């Protein structure tokens, strides 16, 4: 099982959906959706019967490159939970905001 904070490299196998669900206690559909999105972005590839593997990396994967951003992103879900949102609502809010911002960037 990949441990929190571990960096994945090309060729590494992602944990199975079952492993992620057991480790993080989140909905299996959420994990499946995340894996599908990674596959659509070309970052992973599913190999039936074998697993899902990293096929591409972001341009700079060093922890220092995203440290401040990672800290900021970690604070936001805690704030949303304090406001009464559950995990699925937080994810929906993030994705809606992300897509809206991405569309504005294109326009």
PDB file of N, CA and C in Angstrom:
ATOM      1  N   UNK A   1       0.845  -1.181   0.000  1.00  0.00           N
ATOM      2  CA  UNK A   1       0.000   0.000   0.000  1.00  0.00           C
ATOM      3  C   UNK A   1       0.890   1.244   0.000  1.00  0.00           C
ATOM      4  N   UNK A   2       0.548   2.188  -0.835  1.00  0.00           N
ATOM      5  CA  UNK A   2       1.255   3.454  -0.873  1.00  0.00           C
ATOM      6  C   UNK A   2       0.921   4.199   0.414  1.00  0.00           C
ATOM      7  N   UNK A   3       1.926   4.719   1.072  1.00  0.00           N
ATOM      8  CA  UNK A   3       1.718   5.449   2.326  1.00  0.00           C
ATOM      9  C   UNK A   3       1.511   6.924   2.039  1.00  0.00           C
ATOM     10  N   UNK A   4       0.805   7.609   2.927  1.00  0.00           N
ATOM     11  CA  UNK A   4       0.569   9.037   2.783  1.00  0.00           C
ATOM     12  C   UNK A   4       1.900   9.768   2.668  1.00  0.00           C
ATOM     13  N   UNK A   5       1.982  10.642   1.709  1.00  0.00           N
ATOM     14  CA  UNK A   5       3.209  11.403   1.499  1.00  0.00           C
ATOM     15  C   UNK A   5       4.161  10.758   0.502  1.00  0.00           C
ATOM     16  N   UNK A   6       3.948   9.472   0.180  1.00  0.00           N
ATOM     17  CA  UNK A   6       4.790   8.803  -0.807  1.00  0.00           C
ATOM     18  C   UNK A   6       4.547   9.415  -2.178  1.00  0.00           C
ATOM     19  N   UNK A   7       5.597   9.538  -2.949  1.00  0.00           N
ATOM     20  CA  UNK A   7       5.470  10.003  -4.319  1.00  0.00           C
ATOM     21  C   UNK A   7       5.464   8.809  -5.243  1.00  0.00           C
ATOM     22  N   UNK A   8       4.557   8.804  -6.181  1.00  0.00           N
ATOM     23  CA  UNK A   8       4.499   7.734  -7.167  1.00  0.00           C
ATOM     24  C   UNK A   8       5.349   8.106  -8.370  1.00  0.00           C
ATOM     25  N   UNK A   9       5.894   7.116  -8.989  1.00  0.00           N
ATOM     26  CA  UNK A   9       6.730   7.296 -10.185  1.00  0.00           C
ATOM     27  C   UNK A   9       6.100   6.519 -11.336  1.00  0.00           C
ATOM     28  N   UNK A  10       6.510   6.841 -12.543  1.00  0.00           N
ATOM     29  CA  UNK A  10       6.020   6.097 -13.700  1.00  0.00           C
ATOM     30  C   UNK A  10       6.270   4.614 -13.490  1.00  0.00           C
ATOM     31  N   UNK A  11       5.236   3.815 -13.780  1.00  0.00           N
ATOM     32  CA  UNK A  11       5.333   2.371 -13.627  1.00  0.00           C
ATOM     33  C   UNK A  11       4.823   1.856 -12.296  1.00  0.00           C
ATOM     34  N   UNK A  12       4.678   2.735 -11.299  1.00  0.00           N
ATOM     35  CA  UNK A  12       4.153   2.304  -9.997  1.00  0.00           C
ATOM     36  C   UNK A  12       2.685   1.923 -10.128  1.00  0.00           C
ATOM     37  N   UNK A  13       2.276   0.918  -9.348  1.00  0.00           N
ATOM     38  CA  UNK A  13       0.871   0.503  -9.330  1.00  0.00           C
ATOM     39  C   UNK A  13       0.145   1.278  -8.243  1.00  0.00           C
ATOM     40  N   UNK A  14      -1.023   1.816  -8.602  1.00  0.00           N
ATOM     41  CA  UNK A  14      -1.860   2.472  -7.613  1.00  0.00           C
ATOM     42  C   UNK A  14      -2.484   1.411  -6.721  1.00  0.00           C
ATOM     43  N   UNK A  15      -2.818   1.767  -5.489  1.00  0.00           N
ATOM     44  CA  UNK A  15      -3.536   0.812  -4.642  1.00  0.00           C
ATOM     45  C   UNK A  15      -4.879   0.468  -5.289  1.00  0.00           C
ATOM     46  N   UNK A  16      -5.381  -0.705  -5.005  1.00  0.00           N
ATOM     47  CA  UNK A  16      -6.692  -1.070  -5.534  1.00  0.00           C
ATOM     48  C   UNK A  16      -7.752  -0.198  -4.874  1.00  0.00           C
ATOM     49  N   UNK A  17      -8.908  -0.133  -5.501  1.00  0.00           N
ATOM     50  CA  UNK A  17     -10.015   0.627  -4.929  1.00  0.00           C
ATOM     51  C   UNK A  17     -10.329   0.087  -3.538  1.00  0.00           C
ATOM     52  N   UNK A  18     -10.340  -1.218  -3.404  1.00  0.00           N
ATOM     53  CA  UNK A  18     -10.634  -1.855  -2.119  1.00  0.00           C
ATOM     54  C   UNK A  18      -9.621  -1.441  -1.051  1.00  0.00           C
ATOM     55  N   UNK A  19      -8.350  -1.363  -1.415  1.00  0.00           N
ATOM     56  CA  UNK A  19      -7.309  -0.945  -0.472  1.00  0.00           C
ATOM     57  C   UNK A  19      -7.511   0.515  -0.041  1.00  0.00           C
ATOM     58  N   UNK A  20      -7.835   1.371  -0.996  1.00  0.00           N
ATOM     59  CA  UNK A  20      -8.041   2.788  -0.680  1.00  0.00           C
ATOM     60  C   UNK A  20      -9.247   2.953   0.241  1.00  0.00           C
ATOM     61  N   UNK A  21     -10.339   2.265  -0.087  1.00  0.00           N
ATOM     62  CA  UNK A  21     -11.554   2.354   0.724  1.00  0.00           C
ATOM     63  C   UNK A  21     -11.278   1.891   2.151  1.00  0.00           C
ATOM     64  N   UNK A  22     -10.561   0.782   2.297  1.00  0.00           N
ATOM     65  CA  UNK A  22     -10.253   0.258   3.629  1.00  0.00           C
ATOM     66  C   UNK A  22      -9.344   1.198   4.411  1.00  0.00           C
ATOM     67  N   UNK A  23      -8.389   1.798   3.724  1.00  0.00           N
ATOM     68  CA  UNK A  23      -7.406   2.662   4.393  1.00  0.00           C
ATOM     69  C   UNK A  23      -7.974   4.036   4.744  1.00  0.00           C
ATOM     70  N   UNK A  24      -8.797   4.597   3.858  1.00  0.00           N
ATOM     71  CA  UNK A  24      -9.273   5.961   4.043  1.00  0.00           C
ATOM     72  C   UNK A  24     -10.740   6.058   4.456  1.00  0.00           C
ATOM     73  N   UNK A  25     -11.459   4.941   4.388  1.00  0.00           N
ATOM     74  CA  UNK A  25     -12.883   4.926   4.753  1.00  0.00           C
ATOM     75  C   UNK A  25     -13.675   5.953   3.934  1.00  0.00           C
ATOM     76  N   UNK A  26     -13.481   5.932   2.614  1.00  0.00           N
ATOM     77  CA  UNK A  26     -14.268   6.783   1.728  1.00  0.00           C
ATOM     78  C   UNK A  26     -15.050   5.892   0.780  1.00  0.00           C
ATOM     79  N   UNK A  27     -15.991   6.477   0.096  1.00  0.00           N
ATOM     80  CA  UNK A  27     -16.863   5.742  -0.805  1.00  0.00           C
ATOM     81  C   UNK A  27     -16.079   5.201  -2.006  1.00  0.00           C
ATOM     82  N   UNK A  28     -16.333   3.943  -2.348  1.00  0.00           N
ATOM     83  CA  UNK A  28     -15.647   3.315  -3.481  1.00  0.00           C
ATOM     84  C   UNK A  28     -15.905   4.065  -4.784  1.00  0.00           C
ATOM     85  N   UNK A  29     -17.101   4.610  -4.943  1.00  0.00           N
ATOM     86  CA  UNK A  29     -17.402   5.364  -6.162  1.00  0.00           C
ATOM     87  C   UNK A  29     -16.534   6.605  -6.288  1.00  0.00           C
ATOM     88  N   UNK A  30     -16.184   7.211  -5.166  1.00  0.00           N
ATOM     89  CA  UNK A  30     -15.309   8.384  -5.172  1.00  0.00           C
ATOM     90  C   UNK A  30     -13.926   7.991  -5.688  1.00  0.00           C
ATOM     91  N   UNK A  31     -13.432   6.852  -5.224  1.00  0.00           N
ATOM     92  CA  UNK A  31     -12.121   6.367  -5.662  1.00  0.00           C
ATOM     93  C   UNK A  31     -12.159   6.021  -7.144  1.00  0.00           C
ATOM     94  N   UNK A  32     -13.199   5.311  -7.558  1.00  0.00           N
ATOM     95  CA  UNK A  32     -13.333   4.944  -8.978  1.00  0.00           C
ATOM     96  C   UNK A  32     -13.370   6.192  -9.859  1.00  0.00           C
ATOM     97  N   UNK A  33     -14.108   7.198  -9.418  1.00  0.00           N
ATOM     98  CA  UNK A  33     -14.195   8.441 -10.193  1.00  0.00           C
ATOM     99  C   UNK A  33     -12.825   9.110 -10.295  1.00  0.00           C
ATOM    100  N   UNK A  34     -12.098   9.147  -9.178  1.00  0.00           N
ATOM    101  CA  UNK A  34     -10.761   9.750  -9.192  1.00  0.00           C
ATOM    102  C   UNK A  34      -9.837   8.998 -10.133  1.00  0.00           C
ATOM    103  N   UNK A  35      -9.877   7.667 -10.094  1.00  0.00           N
ATOM    104  CA  UNK A  35      -9.029   6.869 -10.978  1.00  0.00           C
ATOM    105  C   UNK A  35      -9.401   7.104 -12.440  1.00  0.00           C
ATOM    106  N   UNK A  36     -10.711   7.205 -12.731  1.00  0.00           N
ATOM    107  CA  UNK A  36     -11.142   7.479 -14.111  1.00  0.00           C
ATOM    108  C   UNK A  36     -10.634   8.838 -14.576  1.00  0.00           C
ATOM    109  N   UNK A  37     -10.703   9.839 -13.692  1.00  0.00           N
ATOM    110  CA  UNK A  37     -10.230  11.170 -14.068  1.00  0.00           C
ATOM    111  C   UNK A  37      -8.721  11.165 -14.320  1.00  0.00           C
ATOM    112  N   UNK A  38      -7.976  10.448 -13.498  1.00  0.00           N
ATOM    113  CA  UNK A  38      -6.530  10.324 -13.725  1.00  0.00           C
ATOM    114  C   UNK A  38      -6.257   9.654 -15.070  1.00  0.00           C
ATOM    115  N   UNK A  39      -7.079   8.655 -15.390  1.00  0.00           N
ATOM    116  CA  UNK A  39      -6.905   7.965 -16.673  1.00  0.00           C
ATOM    117  C   UNK A  39      -7.247   8.894 -17.835  1.00  0.00           C
ATOM    118  N   UNK A  40      -8.299   9.671 -17.701  1.00  0.00           N
ATOM    119  CA  UNK A  40      -8.680  10.620 -18.758  1.00  0.00           C
ATOM    120  C   UNK A  40      -7.603  11.677 -18.972  1.00  0.00           C
ATOM    121  N   UNK A  41      -6.902  12.037 -17.912  1.00  0.00           N
ATOM    122  CA  UNK A  41      -5.823  13.018 -18.005  1.00  0.00           C
ATOM    123  C   UNK A  41      -4.534  12.400 -18.539  1.00  0.00           C
ATOM    124  N   UNK A  42      -4.534  11.075 -18.729  1.00  0.00           N
ATOM    125  CA  UNK A  42      -3.354  10.410 -19.259  1.00  0.00           C
ATOM    126  C   UNK A  42      -2.266  10.163 -18.228  1.00  0.00           C
ATOM    127  N   UNK A  43      -2.615  10.258 -16.946  1.00  0.00           N
ATOM    128  CA  UNK A  43      -1.618  10.070 -15.894  1.00  0.00           C
ATOM    129  C   UNK A  43      -1.506   8.623 -15.435  1.00  0.00           C
ATOM    130  N   UNK A  44      -2.571   7.836 -15.631  1.00  0.00           N
ATOM    131  CA  UNK A  44      -2.558   6.420 -15.263  1.00  0.00           C
ATOM    132  C   UNK A  44      -3.214   5.603 -16.361  1.00  0.00           C
ATOM    133  N   UNK A  45      -2.951   4.304 -16.330  1.00  0.00           N
ATOM    134  CA  UNK A  45      -3.589   3.384 -17.269  1.00  0.00           C
ATOM    135  C   UNK A  45      -4.012   2.139 -16.502  1.00  0.00           C
ATOM    136  N   UNK A  46      -5.265   1.726 -16.729  1.00  0.00           N
ATOM    137  CA  UNK A  46      -5.774   0.514 -16.096  1.00  0.00           C
ATOM    138  C   UNK A  46      -5.398  -0.688 -16.959  1.00  0.00           C
ATOM    139  N   UNK A  47      -4.914  -1.723 -16.302  1.00  0.00           N
ATOM    140  CA  UNK A  47      -4.611  -2.983 -16.979  1.00  0.00           C
ATOM    141  C   UNK A  47      -5.494  -4.040 -16.340  1.00  0.00           C
ATOM    142  N   UNK A  48      -6.582  -4.440 -17.030  1.00  0.00           N
ATOM    143  CA  UNK A  48      -7.542  -5.374 -16.442  1.00  0.00           C
ATOM    144  C   UNK A  48      -6.864  -6.621 -15.860  1.00  0.00           C
ATOM    145  N   UNK A  49      -7.234  -6.916 -14.633  1.00  0.00           N
ATOM    146  CA  UNK A  49      -6.692  -8.076 -13.950  1.00  0.00           C
ATOM    147  C   UNK A  49      -5.330  -7.863 -13.324  1.00  0.00           C
ATOM    148  N   UNK A  50      -4.706  -6.719 -13.591  1.00  0.00           N
ATOM    149  CA  UNK A  50      -3.356  -6.446 -13.080  1.00  0.00           C
ATOM    150  C   UNK A  50      -3.364  -5.254 -12.132  1.00  0.00           C
ATOM    151  N   UNK A  51      -4.028  -4.165 -12.519  1.00  0.00           N
ATOM    152  CA  UNK A  51      -4.088  -2.981 -11.685  1.00  0.00           C
ATOM    153  C   UNK A  51      -4.041  -1.712 -12.507  1.00  0.00           C
ATOM    154  N   UNK A  52      -3.917  -0.602 -11.817  1.00  0.00           N
ATOM    155  CA  UNK A  52      -3.822   0.707 -12.449  1.00  0.00           C
ATOM    156  C   UNK A  52      -2.427   1.249 -12.189  1.00  0.00           C
ATOM    157  N   UNK A  53      -1.769   1.688 -13.245  1.00  0.00           N
ATOM    158  CA  UNK A  53      -0.360   2.074 -13.162  1.00  0.00           C
ATOM    159  C   UNK A  53      -0.140   3.511 -13.616  1.00  0.00           C
ATOM    160  N   UNK A  54       0.813   4.164 -12.977  1.00  0.00           N
ATOM    161  CA  UNK A  54       1.194   5.525 -13.343  1.00  0.00           C
ATOM    162  C   UNK A  54       1.887   5.463 -14.706  1.00  0.00           C
ATOM    163  N   UNK A  55       1.416   6.303 -15.631  1.00  0.00           N
ATOM    164  CA  UNK A  55       2.003   6.327 -16.966  1.00  0.00           C
ATOM    165  C   UNK A  55       2.696   7.642 -17.288  1.00  0.00           C
ATOM    166  N   UNK A  56       2.390   8.682 -16.522  1.00  0.00           N
ATOM    167  CA  UNK A  56       2.995   9.992 -16.764  1.00  0.00           C
ATOM    168  C   UNK A  56       3.091  10.743 -15.445  1.00  0.00           C
ATOM    169  N   UNK A  57       3.977  11.693 -15.411  1.00  0.00           N
ATOM    170  CA  UNK A  57       4.194  12.474 -14.197  1.00  0.00           C
ATOM    171  C   UNK A  57       3.895  13.943 -14.474  1.00  0.00           C
ATOM    172  N   UNK A  58       3.554  14.663 -13.424  1.00  0.00           N
ATOM    173  CA  UNK A  58       3.451  16.108 -13.546  1.00  0.00           C
ATOM    174  C   UNK A  58       4.855  16.643 -13.784  1.00  0.00           C
ATOM    175  N   UNK A  59       4.965  17.852 -14.262  1.00  0.00           N
ATOM    176  CA  UNK A  59       6.278  18.379 -14.643  1.00  0.00           C
ATOM    177  C   UNK A  59       7.260  18.450 -13.483  1.00  0.00           C
ATOM    178  N   UNK A  60       6.819  18.857 -12.305  1.00  0.00           N
ATOM    179  CA  UNK A  60       7.717  18.940 -11.147  1.00  0.00           C
ATOM    180  C   UNK A  60       7.039  18.262  -9.981  1.00  0.00           C
ATOM    181  N   UNK A  61       7.516  17.084  -9.603  1.00  0.00           N
ATOM    182  CA  UNK A  61       6.861  16.308  -8.559  1.00  0.00           C
ATOM    183  C   UNK A  61       7.577  16.398  -7.220  1.00  0.00           C
ATOM    184  N   UNK A  62       8.552  17.291  -7.094  1.00  0.00           N
ATOM    185  CA  UNK A  62       9.247  17.398  -5.824  1.00  0.00           C
ATOM    186  C   UNK A  62       8.295  17.969  -4.769  1.00  0.00           C
ATOM    187  N   UNK A  63       8.368  17.453  -3.551  1.00  0.00           N
ATOM    188  CA  UNK A  63       7.482  17.963  -2.498  1.00  0.00           C
ATOM    189  C   UNK A  63       7.611  19.470  -2.304  1.00  0.00           C
ATOM    190  N   UNK A  64       8.786  20.006  -2.462  1.00  0.00           N
ATOM    191  CA  UNK A  64       8.992  21.439  -2.267  1.00  0.00           C
ATOM    192  C   UNK A  64       8.224  22.264  -3.301  1.00  0.00           C
ATOM    193  N   UNK A  65       8.048  21.723  -4.498  1.00  0.00           N
ATOM    194  CA  UNK A  65       7.391  22.473  -5.560  1.00  0.00           C
ATOM    195  C   UNK A  65       5.938  22.785  -5.229  1.00  0.00           C
ATOM    196  N   UNK A  66       5.268  21.878  -4.536  1.00  0.00           N
ATOM    197  CA  UNK A  66       3.850  22.057  -4.243  1.00  0.00           C
ATOM    198  C   UNK A  66       3.566  22.187  -2.751  1.00  0.00           C
ATOM    199  N   UNK A  67       4.587  22.300  -1.930  1.00  0.00           N
ATOM    200  CA  UNK A  67       4.407  22.349  -0.482  1.00  0.00           C
ATOM    201  C   UNK A  67       3.428  23.399  -0.003  1.00  0.00           C
ATOM    202  N   UNK A  68       3.636  24.680  -0.351  1.00  0.00           N
ATOM    203  CA  UNK A  68       2.706  25.707   0.116  1.00  0.00           C
ATOM    204  C   UNK A  68       1.280  25.504  -0.402  1.00  0.00           C
ATOM    205  N   UNK A  69       1.167  25.107  -1.659  1.00  0.00           N
ATOM    206  CA  UNK A  69      -0.157  24.848  -2.221  1.00  0.00           C
ATOM    207  C   UNK A  69      -0.821  23.665  -1.517  1.00  0.00           C
ATOM    208  N   UNK A  70      -0.059  22.606  -1.271  1.00  0.00           N
ATOM    209  CA  UNK A  70      -0.587  21.427  -0.582  1.00  0.00           C
ATOM    210  C   UNK A  70      -1.112  21.810   0.805  1.00  0.00           C
ATOM    211  N   UNK A  71      -0.364  22.629   1.530  1.00  0.00           N
ATOM    212  CA  UNK A  71      -0.800  23.058   2.865  1.00  0.00           C
ATOM    213  C   UNK A  71      -2.110  23.838   2.791  1.00  0.00           C
ATOM    214  N   UNK A  72      -2.198  24.722   1.815  1.00  0.00           N
ATOM    215  CA  UNK A  72      -3.427  25.507   1.643  1.00  0.00           C
ATOM    216  C   UNK A  72      -4.603  24.604   1.309  1.00  0.00           C
ATOM    217  N   UNK A  73      -4.393  23.653   0.420  1.00  0.00           N
ATOM    218  CA  UNK A  73      -5.465  22.731   0.038  1.00  0.00           C
ATOM    219  C   UNK A  73      -5.876  21.827   1.203  1.00  0.00           C
ATOM    220  N   UNK A  74      -4.959  21.497   2.079  1.00  0.00           N
ATOM    221  CA  UNK A  74      -5.290  20.672   3.236  1.00  0.00           C
ATOM    222  C   UNK A  74      -6.141  21.440   4.243  1.00  0.00           C
ATOM    223  N   UNK A  75      -5.962  22.744   4.334  1.00  0.00           N
ATOM    224  CA  UNK A  75      -6.740  23.547   5.281  1.00  0.00           C
ATOM    225  C   UNK A  75      -8.198  23.688   4.846  1.00  0.00           C
ATOM    226  N   UNK A  76      -8.430  23.757   3.568  1.00  0.00           N
ATOM    227  CA  UNK A  76      -9.785  24.037   3.068  1.00  0.00           C
ATOM    228  C   UNK A  76     -10.810  22.957   3.415  1.00  0.00           C
ATOM    229  N   UNK A  77     -10.529  21.664   3.258  1.00  0.00           N
ATOM    230  CA  UNK A  77     -11.537  20.663   3.643  1.00  0.00           C
ATOM    231  C   UNK A  77     -11.910  20.740   5.124  1.00  0.00           C
ATOM    232  N   UNK A  78     -10.938  21.032   5.983  1.00  0.00           N
ATOM    233  CA  UNK A  78     -11.232  21.159   7.413  1.00  0.00           C
ATOM    234  C   UNK A  78     -12.206  22.321   7.641  1.00  0.00           C
ATOM    235  N   UNK A  79     -12.002  23.421   6.935  1.00  0.00           N
ATOM    236  CA  UNK A  79     -12.911  24.558   7.052  1.00  0.00           C
ATOM    237  C   UNK A  79     -14.306  24.182   6.556  1.00  0.00           C
ATOM    238  N   UNK A  80     -14.356  23.455   5.458  1.00  0.00           N
ATOM    239  CA  UNK A  80     -15.647  23.039   4.903  1.00  0.00           C
ATOM    240  C   UNK A  80     -16.377  22.091   5.854  1.00  0.00           C
ATOM    241  N   UNK A  81     -15.646  21.192   6.496  1.00  0.00           N
ATOM    242  CA  UNK A  81     -16.271  20.283   7.467  1.00  0.00           C
ATOM    243  C   UNK A  81     -16.826  21.067   8.651  1.00  0.00           C
ATOM    244  N   UNK A  82     -16.068  22.053   9.108  1.00  0.00           N
ATOM    245  CA  UNK A  82     -16.555  22.888  10.215  1.00  0.00           C
ATOM    246  C   UNK A  82     -17.821  23.646   9.801  1.00  0.00           C
ATOM    247  N   UNK A  83     -17.964  23.921   8.519  1.00  0.00           N
ATOM    248  CA  UNK A  83     -19.159  24.603   8.011  1.00  0.00           C
ATOM    249  C   UNK A  83     -20.318  23.625   7.813  1.00  0.00           C
ATOM    250  N   UNK A  84     -20.072  22.324   8.063  1.00  0.00           N
ATOM    251  CA  UNK A  84     -21.153  21.345   7.999  1.00  0.00           C
ATOM    252  C   UNK A  84     -21.221  20.512   6.740  1.00  0.00           C
ATOM    253  N   UNK A  85     -20.246  20.640   5.845  1.00  0.00           N
ATOM    254  CA  UNK A  85     -20.263  19.851   4.611  1.00  0.00           C
ATOM    255  C   UNK A  85     -19.668  18.466   4.844  1.00  0.00           C
ATOM    256  N   UNK A  86     -20.245  17.452   4.176  1.00  0.00           N
ATOM    257  CA  UNK A  86     -19.656  16.121   4.220  1.00  0.00           C
ATOM    258  C   UNK A  86     -18.653  16.000   3.067  1.00  0.00           C
ATOM    259  N   UNK A  87     -17.923  14.883   3.018  1.00  0.00           N
ATOM    260  CA  UNK A  87     -16.850  14.723   2.028  1.00  0.00           C
ATOM    261  C   UNK A  87     -17.357  14.833   0.590  1.00  0.00           C
ATOM    262  N   UNK A  88     -18.501  14.221   0.293  1.00  0.00           N
ATOM    263  CA  UNK A  88     -19.015  14.276  -1.076  1.00  0.00           C
ATOM    264  C   UNK A  88     -19.413  15.696  -1.459  1.00  0.00           C
ATOM    265  N   UNK A  89     -19.959  16.455  -0.506  1.00  0.00           N
ATOM    266  CA  UNK A  89     -20.320  17.855  -0.778  1.00  0.00           C
ATOM    267  C   UNK A  89     -19.073  18.703  -0.998  1.00  0.00           C
ATOM    268  N   UNK A  90     -18.038  18.432  -0.221  1.00  0.00           N
ATOM    269  CA  UNK A  90     -16.775  19.160  -0.387  1.00  0.00           C
ATOM    270  C   UNK A  90     -16.197  18.869  -1.767  1.00  0.00           C
ATOM    271  N   UNK A  91     -16.206  17.605  -2.159  1.00  0.00           N
ATOM    272  CA  UNK A  91     -15.683  17.241  -3.474  1.00  0.00           C
ATOM    273  C   UNK A  91     -16.496  17.908  -4.578  1.00  0.00           C
ATOM    274  N   UNK A  92     -17.815  17.889  -4.464  1.00  0.00           N
ATOM    275  CA  UNK A  92     -18.668  18.509  -5.479  1.00  0.00           C
ATOM    276  C   UNK A  92     -18.414  20.009  -5.570  1.00  0.00           C
ATOM    277  N   UNK A  93     -18.271  20.664  -4.417  1.00  0.00           N
ATOM    278  CA  UNK A  93     -17.986  22.096  -4.399  1.00  0.00           C
ATOM    279  C   UNK A  93     -16.642  22.388  -5.054  1.00  0.00           C
ATOM    280  N   UNK A  94     -15.648  21.592  -4.730  1.00  0.00           N
ATOM    281  CA  UNK A  94     -14.326  21.791  -5.329  1.00  0.00           C
ATOM    282  C   UNK A  94     -14.385  21.628  -6.844  1.00  0.00           C
ATOM    283  N   UNK A  95     -15.000  20.527  -7.298  1.00  0.00           N
ATOM    284  CA  UNK A  95     -15.025  20.265  -8.737  1.00  0.00           C
ATOM    285  C   UNK A  95     -15.813  21.337  -9.488  1.00  0.00           C
ATOM    286  N   UNK A  96     -16.920  21.778  -8.920  1.00  0.00           N
ATOM    287  CA  UNK A  96     -17.698  22.842  -9.559  1.00  0.00           C
ATOM    288  C   UNK A  96     -16.873  24.124  -9.661  1.00  0.00           C
ATOM    289  N   UNK A  97     -16.206  24.469  -8.572  1.00  0.00           N
ATOM    290  CA  UNK A  97     -15.366  25.669  -8.555  1.00  0.00           C
ATOM    291  C   UNK A  97     -14.207  25.524  -9.532  1.00  0.00           C
ATOM    292  N   UNK A  98     -13.575  24.360  -9.534  1.00  0.00           N
ATOM    293  CA  UNK A  98     -12.447  24.107 -10.427  1.00  0.00           C
ATOM    294  C   UNK A  98     -12.871  24.237 -11.886  1.00  0.00           C
ATOM    295  N   UNK A  99     -13.978  23.604 -12.246  1.00  0.00           N
ATOM    296  CA  UNK A  99     -14.437  23.644 -13.642  1.00  0.00           C
ATOM    297  C   UNK A  99     -14.822  25.064 -14.057  1.00  0.00           C
ATOM    298  N   UNK A 100     -15.483  25.793 -13.167  1.00  0.00           N
ATOM    299  CA  UNK A 100     -15.863  27.168 -13.472  1.00  0.00           C
ATOM    300  C   UNK A 100     -14.623  28.027 -13.702  1.00  0.00           C
ATOM    301  N   UNK A 101     -13.642  27.864 -12.835  1.00  0.00           N
ATOM    302  CA  UNK A 101     -12.401  28.631 -12.958  1.00  0.00           C
ATOM    303  C   UNK A 101     -11.659  28.256 -14.232  1.00  0.00           C
ATOM    304  N   UNK A 102     -11.623  26.961 -14.553  1.00  0.00           N
ATOM    305  CA  UNK A 102     -10.948  26.509 -15.774  1.00  0.00           C
ATOM    306  C   UNK A 102     -11.622  27.083 -17.007  1.00  0.00           C
ATOM    307  N   UNK A 103     -12.950  27.141 -17.017  1.00  0.00           N
ATOM    308  CA  UNK A 103     -13.674  27.701 -18.155  1.00  0.00           C
ATOM    309  C   UNK A 103     -13.408  29.197 -18.276  1.00  0.00           C
ATOM    310  N   UNK A 104     -13.316  29.891 -17.147  1.00  0.00           N
ATOM    311  CA  UNK A 104     -13.019  31.324 -17.173  1.00  0.00           C
ATOM    312  C   UNK A 104     -11.606  31.583 -17.696  1.00  0.00           C
ATOM    313  N   UNK A 105     -10.676  30.682 -17.357  1.00  0.00           N
ATOM    314  CA  UNK A 105      -9.294  30.826 -17.831  1.00  0.00           C
ATOM    315  C   UNK A 105      -9.219  30.691 -19.351  1.00  0.00           C
ATOM    316  N   UNK A 106     -10.090  29.848 -19.916  1.00  0.00           N
ATOM    317  CA  UNK A 106     -10.100  29.613 -21.360  1.00  0.00           C
ATOM    318  C   UNK A 106     -10.707  30.814 -22.102  1.00  0.00           C
ATOM    319  N   UNK A 107     -11.716  31.417 -21.513  1.00  0.00           N
ATOM    320  CA  UNK A 107     -12.453  32.519 -22.173  1.00  0.00           C
ATOM    321  C   UNK A 107     -11.649  33.773 -22.275  1.00  0.00           C
TER     322      UNK A 107
END
